[in-house]
N, C-alpha and C. Protein backbone atom coordinates (compact mmCIF):
# COMPACT_ATOMS: atom_id res chain seq x y z
N MET A 1 -87.91 -129.41 -4.01
CA MET A 1 -87.25 -128.23 -3.29
C MET A 1 -88.81 -127.25 -3.16
N ASN A 2 -88.77 -126.67 -2.25
CA ASN A 2 -90.05 -125.86 -1.82
C ASN A 2 -89.81 -124.47 -2.15
N ASP A 3 -90.60 -123.88 -3.14
CA ASP A 3 -90.41 -122.85 -3.42
C ASP A 3 -91.28 -121.79 -3.23
N LYS A 4 -91.74 -122.10 -1.98
CA LYS A 4 -92.82 -121.16 -0.97
C LYS A 4 -91.63 -120.11 -0.56
N PRO A 5 -92.10 -118.62 -0.64
CA PRO A 5 -91.21 -117.41 0.23
C PRO A 5 -91.36 -117.91 1.40
N LEU A 6 -89.93 -117.05 1.88
CA LEU A 6 -89.77 -117.23 3.29
C LEU A 6 -91.00 -116.25 4.03
N VAL A 7 -91.19 -115.29 3.58
CA VAL A 7 -92.25 -114.25 4.00
C VAL A 7 -93.39 -113.89 2.89
N ASP A 8 -94.68 -114.36 3.33
CA ASP A 8 -95.85 -114.51 2.28
C ASP A 8 -96.29 -113.50 2.80
N ILE A 9 -96.87 -112.42 2.19
CA ILE A 9 -97.66 -111.07 2.51
C ILE A 9 -98.59 -111.08 1.52
N ASP A 10 -99.76 -111.41 1.32
CA ASP A 10 -100.56 -111.16 0.46
C ASP A 10 -101.46 -109.92 0.44
N LEU A 11 -101.15 -108.86 -0.19
CA LEU A 11 -101.87 -107.59 0.33
C LEU A 11 -103.02 -107.81 -0.19
N ASP A 12 -103.85 -108.65 -1.05
CA ASP A 12 -105.22 -108.98 -1.15
C ASP A 12 -105.84 -109.19 -0.05
N LYS A 13 -105.28 -110.09 0.75
CA LYS A 13 -105.81 -110.72 1.78
C LYS A 13 -105.85 -110.07 3.01
N ASN A 14 -104.62 -109.49 3.38
CA ASN A 14 -103.94 -108.59 4.65
C ASN A 14 -103.26 -107.20 3.95
N PRO A 15 -104.27 -106.33 4.06
CA PRO A 15 -103.58 -105.03 3.27
C PRO A 15 -103.08 -104.27 4.21
N LEU A 16 -103.09 -104.81 5.78
CA LEU A 16 -102.05 -104.35 6.67
C LEU A 16 -101.04 -104.72 6.87
N GLY A 17 -100.57 -105.45 6.07
CA GLY A 17 -99.15 -106.22 5.98
C GLY A 17 -98.27 -105.42 5.67
N VAL A 18 -98.34 -104.60 4.91
CA VAL A 18 -96.96 -103.38 4.46
C VAL A 18 -97.10 -102.32 6.01
N LEU A 19 -98.11 -102.08 6.28
CA LEU A 19 -97.87 -101.03 7.51
C LEU A 19 -97.30 -102.01 8.82
N ILE A 20 -97.28 -103.43 8.93
CA ILE A 20 -96.68 -104.16 9.76
C ILE A 20 -95.08 -104.17 9.60
N LEU A 21 -94.95 -104.46 8.01
CA LEU A 21 -93.43 -104.75 7.57
C LEU A 21 -92.70 -103.55 7.78
N LEU A 22 -93.59 -102.35 7.38
CA LEU A 22 -92.64 -100.91 6.92
C LEU A 22 -91.69 -100.69 8.01
N PRO A 23 -92.41 -100.37 9.26
CA PRO A 23 -91.66 -99.95 10.62
C PRO A 23 -90.63 -101.03 10.81
N TYR A 24 -90.65 -102.25 10.61
CA TYR A 24 -89.81 -103.19 11.02
C TYR A 24 -88.48 -103.08 9.82
N ILE A 25 -88.47 -102.68 8.64
CA ILE A 25 -87.41 -102.61 7.64
C ILE A 25 -87.01 -101.04 8.21
N VAL A 26 -87.58 -99.93 8.53
CA VAL A 26 -86.87 -99.03 8.78
C VAL A 26 -86.09 -99.16 9.93
N PHE A 27 -86.55 -99.94 11.05
CA PHE A 27 -85.82 -100.22 12.40
C PHE A 27 -84.60 -101.01 11.85
N VAL A 28 -84.62 -101.87 11.16
CA VAL A 28 -83.44 -102.51 10.88
C VAL A 28 -82.38 -101.85 9.99
N LEU A 29 -82.92 -101.25 9.04
CA LEU A 29 -82.04 -100.46 8.20
C LEU A 29 -81.51 -99.17 9.33
N LEU A 30 -82.00 -98.65 10.37
CA LEU A 30 -81.75 -97.55 11.34
C LEU A 30 -80.46 -98.06 12.00
N THR A 31 -80.66 -99.50 12.63
CA THR A 31 -79.93 -100.10 13.23
C THR A 31 -78.49 -100.55 12.60
N PHE A 32 -78.79 -100.89 11.58
CA PHE A 32 -77.40 -101.28 10.54
C PHE A 32 -76.56 -100.10 10.75
N GLY A 33 -77.31 -98.84 9.89
CA GLY A 33 -76.71 -97.52 9.79
C GLY A 33 -75.76 -96.94 11.17
N LEU A 34 -76.58 -97.11 12.34
CA LEU A 34 -76.17 -97.09 13.55
C LEU A 34 -74.92 -97.90 13.79
N MET A 35 -74.95 -98.91 13.48
CA MET A 35 -73.85 -99.93 13.78
C MET A 35 -72.57 -99.40 12.93
N ILE A 36 -72.87 -99.11 11.71
CA ILE A 36 -71.60 -98.55 10.84
C ILE A 36 -71.10 -97.46 11.91
N TRP A 37 -71.90 -96.60 11.89
CA TRP A 37 -71.43 -95.25 12.78
C TRP A 37 -70.65 -95.51 14.13
N TYR A 38 -71.26 -96.33 15.03
CA TYR A 38 -70.39 -96.82 16.37
C TYR A 38 -68.84 -97.70 15.71
N ILE A 39 -68.90 -98.43 14.95
CA ILE A 39 -67.93 -98.99 14.61
C ILE A 39 -66.93 -98.10 14.06
N ARG A 40 -67.42 -97.12 13.33
CA ARG A 40 -66.26 -96.17 12.73
C ARG A 40 -65.83 -95.36 13.80
N ASP A 41 -66.48 -95.06 14.48
CA ASP A 41 -66.52 -94.01 15.93
C ASP A 41 -65.41 -94.78 16.87
N ALA A 42 -65.40 -95.93 17.09
CA ALA A 42 -64.73 -96.57 18.05
C ALA A 42 -63.45 -96.89 17.28
N ALA A 43 -63.06 -97.30 15.78
CA ALA A 43 -61.91 -97.21 15.26
C ALA A 43 -61.04 -96.00 15.18
N ARG A 44 -61.87 -94.77 15.18
CA ARG A 44 -61.13 -93.40 15.26
C ARG A 44 -60.92 -92.86 16.64
N ASN A 45 -61.43 -93.34 17.77
CA ASN A 45 -61.32 -93.10 18.92
C ASN A 45 -59.81 -93.28 19.40
N ALA A 46 -59.04 -92.08 19.58
CA ALA A 46 -57.71 -91.90 20.10
C ALA A 46 -57.70 -92.41 21.58
N ALA A 47 -58.68 -92.34 22.35
CA ALA A 47 -58.69 -92.77 23.73
C ALA A 47 -58.73 -94.18 23.80
N LEU A 48 -58.99 -94.99 23.01
CA LEU A 48 -58.91 -96.47 23.01
C LEU A 48 -57.98 -96.95 22.31
N GLU A 49 -57.27 -98.06 23.20
CA GLU A 49 -56.19 -98.90 22.56
C GLU A 49 -56.90 -99.72 21.58
N THR A 50 -55.89 -100.35 20.87
CA THR A 50 -56.29 -101.05 19.80
C THR A 50 -57.18 -102.39 20.16
N ALA A 51 -56.64 -103.05 21.39
CA ALA A 51 -57.43 -104.07 21.76
C ALA A 51 -58.77 -103.87 22.08
N LEU A 52 -59.38 -102.62 22.85
CA LEU A 52 -60.42 -101.99 23.26
C LEU A 52 -61.24 -101.76 22.04
N LYS A 53 -60.87 -101.10 20.78
CA LYS A 53 -61.30 -100.89 19.52
C LYS A 53 -61.91 -102.27 18.87
N VAL A 54 -61.26 -103.29 19.07
CA VAL A 54 -61.39 -104.68 18.58
C VAL A 54 -62.66 -104.96 19.36
N ILE A 55 -62.49 -104.99 20.44
CA ILE A 55 -63.72 -105.82 21.78
C ILE A 55 -64.85 -105.02 21.32
N TRP A 56 -64.94 -103.65 21.20
CA TRP A 56 -66.18 -102.50 20.95
C TRP A 56 -66.75 -102.77 19.61
N ALA A 57 -65.67 -103.10 18.56
CA ALA A 57 -66.40 -103.40 17.32
C ALA A 57 -67.38 -104.82 17.39
N LEU A 58 -66.57 -105.63 18.01
CA LEU A 58 -67.27 -106.87 18.07
C LEU A 58 -68.65 -106.80 18.82
N ALA A 59 -68.46 -106.19 20.09
CA ALA A 59 -69.47 -105.88 20.98
C ALA A 59 -70.69 -105.32 20.03
N ILE A 60 -70.35 -104.37 19.48
CA ILE A 60 -71.57 -103.48 18.79
C ILE A 60 -72.08 -104.42 17.65
N MET A 61 -71.25 -105.42 16.78
CA MET A 61 -71.86 -106.31 15.88
C MET A 61 -72.65 -107.31 16.55
N GLN A 62 -72.27 -107.77 17.69
CA GLN A 62 -73.32 -108.89 18.20
C GLN A 62 -74.01 -108.31 19.39
N PHE A 63 -74.13 -107.58 19.52
CA PHE A 63 -74.84 -107.15 20.77
C PHE A 63 -75.22 -105.79 20.56
N SER A 64 -75.61 -105.34 19.37
CA SER A 64 -75.81 -103.97 19.15
C SER A 64 -76.94 -103.00 20.01
N ILE A 65 -78.17 -103.62 20.42
CA ILE A 65 -79.15 -103.03 21.01
C ILE A 65 -78.38 -102.64 22.19
N LEU A 66 -77.49 -103.64 22.95
CA LEU A 66 -77.20 -102.91 24.35
C LEU A 66 -75.79 -102.16 24.31
N ALA A 67 -74.79 -102.75 23.10
CA ALA A 67 -73.60 -101.97 23.22
C ALA A 67 -73.67 -100.75 23.02
N MET A 68 -74.55 -100.29 22.01
CA MET A 68 -74.48 -98.90 21.35
C MET A 68 -74.86 -97.93 22.51
N PRO A 69 -75.75 -98.15 23.49
CA PRO A 69 -76.28 -96.80 24.41
C PRO A 69 -74.81 -96.93 25.43
N VAL A 70 -74.26 -98.13 25.70
CA VAL A 70 -73.17 -97.91 26.56
C VAL A 70 -72.11 -97.25 26.28
N TYR A 71 -71.56 -97.81 24.98
CA TYR A 71 -70.37 -97.15 23.93
C TYR A 71 -70.91 -95.64 24.04
N TRP A 72 -71.80 -95.23 24.03
CA TRP A 72 -72.59 -93.74 23.62
C TRP A 72 -72.33 -93.18 24.98
N PHE A 73 -72.98 -93.95 26.05
CA PHE A 73 -72.40 -93.24 27.48
C PHE A 73 -71.20 -93.01 27.83
N LEU A 74 -70.30 -93.98 27.49
CA LEU A 74 -68.72 -93.78 27.91
C LEU A 74 -67.94 -93.22 26.87
N TYR A 75 -68.35 -92.97 25.84
CA TYR A 75 -67.25 -92.20 24.92
C TYR A 75 -67.95 -91.37 24.02
N VAL A 76 -69.06 -90.96 23.95
CA VAL A 76 -69.77 -90.18 23.02
C VAL A 76 -69.98 -88.71 23.97
N TRP A 77 -71.02 -89.26 24.71
CA TRP A 77 -71.73 -88.07 25.63
C TRP A 77 -70.66 -87.75 26.68
N ARG A 78 -69.95 -88.47 27.30
CA ARG A 78 -69.11 -87.95 28.30
C ARG A 78 -67.68 -87.71 27.72
N GLU A 79 -67.65 -87.52 26.52
CA GLU A 79 -66.17 -87.37 25.88
C GLU A 79 -65.53 -86.12 26.45
N ALA A 80 -64.37 -85.82 26.96
CA ALA A 80 -63.71 -84.87 27.79
C ALA A 80 -63.15 -84.06 27.14
N THR A 81 -62.49 -84.38 25.82
CA THR A 81 -61.59 -83.91 24.82
C THR A 81 -62.13 -83.83 23.48
N PRO A 82 -62.28 -82.95 22.72
CA PRO A 82 -62.83 -83.12 21.46
C PRO A 82 -62.10 -83.66 20.24
N ARG A 83 -62.42 -84.55 19.41
CA ARG A 83 -61.63 -85.03 18.63
C ARG A 83 -61.84 -84.50 17.14
N THR A 84 -61.05 -84.18 15.96
CA THR A 84 -61.29 -83.87 14.87
C THR A 84 -61.43 -85.02 13.83
N SER A 85 -62.15 -85.15 12.87
CA SER A 85 -62.58 -86.00 11.87
C SER A 85 -61.58 -86.77 11.91
N ALA A 86 -60.43 -86.89 12.00
CA ALA A 86 -59.35 -87.69 11.47
C ALA A 86 -59.29 -88.55 12.96
N GLY A 87 -59.82 -88.02 13.78
CA GLY A 87 -59.46 -88.96 15.35
C GLY A 87 -58.70 -88.29 15.96
N ALA A 88 -57.86 -87.38 15.87
CA ALA A 88 -56.40 -86.94 16.51
C ALA A 88 -57.01 -85.93 17.59
N LEU A 89 -56.77 -85.75 18.93
CA LEU A 89 -56.67 -84.81 19.60
C LEU A 89 -56.31 -83.71 18.90
N ARG A 90 -57.32 -82.32 19.49
CA ARG A 90 -56.99 -81.00 19.14
C ARG A 90 -57.14 -80.41 20.51
N ASP A 91 -56.37 -79.29 20.44
CA ASP A 91 -56.22 -78.41 21.83
C ASP A 91 -57.46 -77.47 21.69
N THR A 92 -58.49 -77.13 22.38
CA THR A 92 -59.58 -76.05 22.25
C THR A 92 -59.57 -75.15 23.64
N SER A 93 -58.22 -74.66 23.71
CA SER A 93 -58.13 -73.72 24.67
C SER A 93 -58.56 -72.56 24.27
N PRO A 94 -59.42 -71.69 25.11
CA PRO A 94 -60.10 -70.56 24.46
C PRO A 94 -58.66 -69.48 24.47
N LEU A 95 -57.70 -69.50 25.31
CA LEU A 95 -56.63 -68.53 25.26
C LEU A 95 -55.84 -68.59 23.68
N GLU A 96 -55.82 -69.49 23.51
CA GLU A 96 -55.26 -69.90 21.73
C GLU A 96 -56.07 -69.50 20.70
N GLN A 97 -57.28 -69.22 20.98
CA GLN A 97 -58.38 -68.76 19.80
C GLN A 97 -58.12 -67.34 19.64
N VAL A 98 -58.04 -66.53 20.45
CA VAL A 98 -57.88 -65.26 20.32
C VAL A 98 -56.80 -64.69 19.45
């Protein structure tokens, strides 16, 4: 059995290895966190039917870098009616707030 590690960074020979690896780790963690947020938002989006929620969740998991900007453009940035944290639609009429 080969006991050699998958990634072998010897800091004595290559001190810049950490500078190369650290941004990659940050990018991966950021992407994973955004995936969780987008899937959670799609699941709570009252404007989407159940089938579309599943399709968006699968698209975000499989094609995250491509699917997240498209979802953001279609459902977050251009959102016509604000949602509460539970995902239900709420009325934001300025006349009823007086």
